[in-house]
Protein backbone atom coordinates (compact mmCIF):
# COMPACT_ATOMS: atom_id res chain seq x y z
CA MET A 1 -38.76 226.81 102.44
CA LYS A 2 -35.18 225.59 102.32
CA ALA A 3 -33.47 222.23 102.47
CA LEU A 4 -31.12 221.54 105.36
CA ASN A 5 -28.49 218.82 105.67
CA ILE A 6 -28.20 216.56 108.73
CA PHE A 7 -24.41 216.38 108.23
CA ASN A 8 -23.81 220.16 108.29
CA GLN A 9 -21.79 221.68 111.12
CA LEU A 10 -20.35 218.45 112.49
CA PRO A 11 -17.44 218.78 114.92
CA LYS A 12 -14.03 218.22 113.35
CA GLY A 13 -12.58 216.22 116.24
CA ARG A 14 -13.59 214.76 119.54
CA SER A 15 -15.84 217.02 121.56
CA SER A 16 -15.98 216.99 125.35
CA ASP A 17 -19.77 216.75 125.31
CA GLU A 18 -22.33 214.88 123.30
CA LEU A 19 -24.41 217.37 121.29
CA PHE A 20 -28.24 217.28 121.22
CA GLU A 21 -30.10 219.46 118.72
CA THR A 22 -33.89 219.52 118.40
CA LEU A 23 -34.70 219.67 114.69
CA ARG A 24 -38.48 219.76 115.06
CA SER A 25 -41.02 219.26 117.82
CA GLY A 26 -44.75 219.42 118.05
CA ASP A 27 -47.76 217.97 119.77
CA GLY A 28 -46.60 214.56 120.97
CA PHE A 29 -43.25 214.29 119.18
CA LYS A 30 -39.67 215.54 119.06
CA ILE A 31 -37.03 214.90 116.38
CA GLU A 32 -33.43 215.43 117.39
CA ARG A 33 -29.95 215.08 115.99
CA ILE A 34 -27.39 213.67 118.40
CA ILE A 35 -23.64 213.93 117.77
CA SER A 36 -21.33 211.56 119.67
CA THR A 37 -17.53 211.47 119.52
CA GLY A 38 -16.65 208.80 122.05
CA GLN A 39 -19.20 209.73 124.73
CA VAL A 40 -21.15 207.09 126.64
CA THR A 41 -23.87 207.08 129.26
CA PRO A 42 -22.11 207.15 132.65
CA GLU A 43 -21.65 203.71 134.20
CA GLY A 44 -24.65 202.65 136.25
CA GLN A 45 -26.97 205.24 134.66
CA TRP A 46 -29.87 204.28 132.40
CA TYR A 47 -32.29 206.20 130.23
CA ASP A 48 -35.86 205.44 131.34
CA GLN A 49 -37.95 207.69 129.11
CA ASN A 50 -41.68 208.41 129.21
CA SER A 51 -41.84 208.41 125.41
CA ASP A 52 -41.30 205.77 122.76
CA GLU A 53 -38.16 206.36 120.70
CA TRP A 54 -37.10 205.38 117.21
CA VAL A 55 -33.40 205.98 116.71
CA VAL A 56 -31.16 205.47 113.68
CA LEU A 57 -27.38 205.73 113.55
CA LEU A 58 -26.69 207.59 110.31
CA GLN A 59 -22.90 207.65 110.58
CA GLY A 60 -20.35 205.94 112.80
CA ASN A 61 -20.41 202.93 115.10
CA ALA A 62 -21.92 202.53 118.55
CA LYS A 63 -23.28 200.09 121.12
CA LEU A 64 -26.66 200.37 122.83
CA GLU A 65 -27.01 198.37 126.02
CA PHE A 66 -30.32 197.13 127.35
CA GLU A 67 -30.93 195.22 130.57
CA ASN A 68 -30.81 191.88 128.73
CA CYS A 69 -28.62 192.51 125.65
CA THR A 70 -26.21 194.81 123.84
CA LEU A 71 -26.69 195.85 120.22
CA THR A 72 -23.75 196.83 118.03
CA LEU A 73 -24.85 199.48 115.54
CA GLY A 74 -23.32 200.70 112.32
CA ALA A 75 -24.44 203.32 109.82
CA GLY A 76 -28.05 202.70 108.83
CA ASP A 77 -28.99 200.52 111.81
CA TYR A 78 -32.11 201.57 113.71
CA VAL A 79 -33.95 200.50 116.86
CA TRP A 80 -37.44 200.99 118.30
CA ILE A 81 -37.22 201.63 122.06
CA PRO A 82 -40.58 201.47 123.85
CA ALA A 83 -41.29 203.88 126.70
CA HIS A 84 -39.62 202.83 129.97
CA GLN A 85 -37.30 200.33 128.24
CA LYS A 86 -34.11 201.01 130.17
CA HIS A 87 -31.14 201.56 127.90
CA ARG A 88 -27.77 203.27 127.76
CA VAL A 89 -25.08 204.07 125.21
CA SER A 90 -22.17 201.85 126.23
CA TRP A 91 -19.77 202.85 123.42
CA THR A 92 -19.43 205.31 120.55
CA ASP A 93 -16.46 205.28 118.21
CA PRO A 94 -14.00 207.94 119.44
CA ASP A 95 -12.25 208.03 116.05
CA GLN A 96 -15.23 209.23 114.04
CA VAL A 97 -18.26 211.44 114.43
CA CYS A 98 -21.39 209.42 115.19
CA VAL A 99 -24.60 211.03 113.91
CA TRP A 100 -27.90 209.82 115.35
CA LEU A 101 -31.43 210.78 114.42
CA ALA A 102 -33.94 210.19 117.23
CA VAL A 103 -37.71 210.49 117.05
CA HIS A 104 -39.46 210.65 120.44
CA ILE A 105 -43.19 209.89 120.41
CA GLU A 106 -45.37 210.48 123.45
CA ASN A 107 -47.01 207.33 124.69
CA ASN A 108 -50.57 208.34 125.58
CA GLU A 109 -51.43 204.97 127.11
CA GLU A 110 -50.06 205.86 130.55
């Protein structure tokens, strides 16, 4: 067994793509690290996921947009997003690396 660090191997500057890394997955769940450096969800596109999601912004600043509101997030802020709650990332700080931790949990009630 060895300890790993969520902040290891972060990009030094702005990347052209947002980076998604699955840290662990199993029966009914997935934990992923997401690295953003100014990326946003394309205008007019929404995430509409089959799973519930708990997401925390560990580093950086960002905005999550929902159909009826926008949340401004800073380091340590977290959100519970129920399955099929449409949302999008409307802004991530281009001047710093944003590190997200997302936990996706299958919703077996469908």
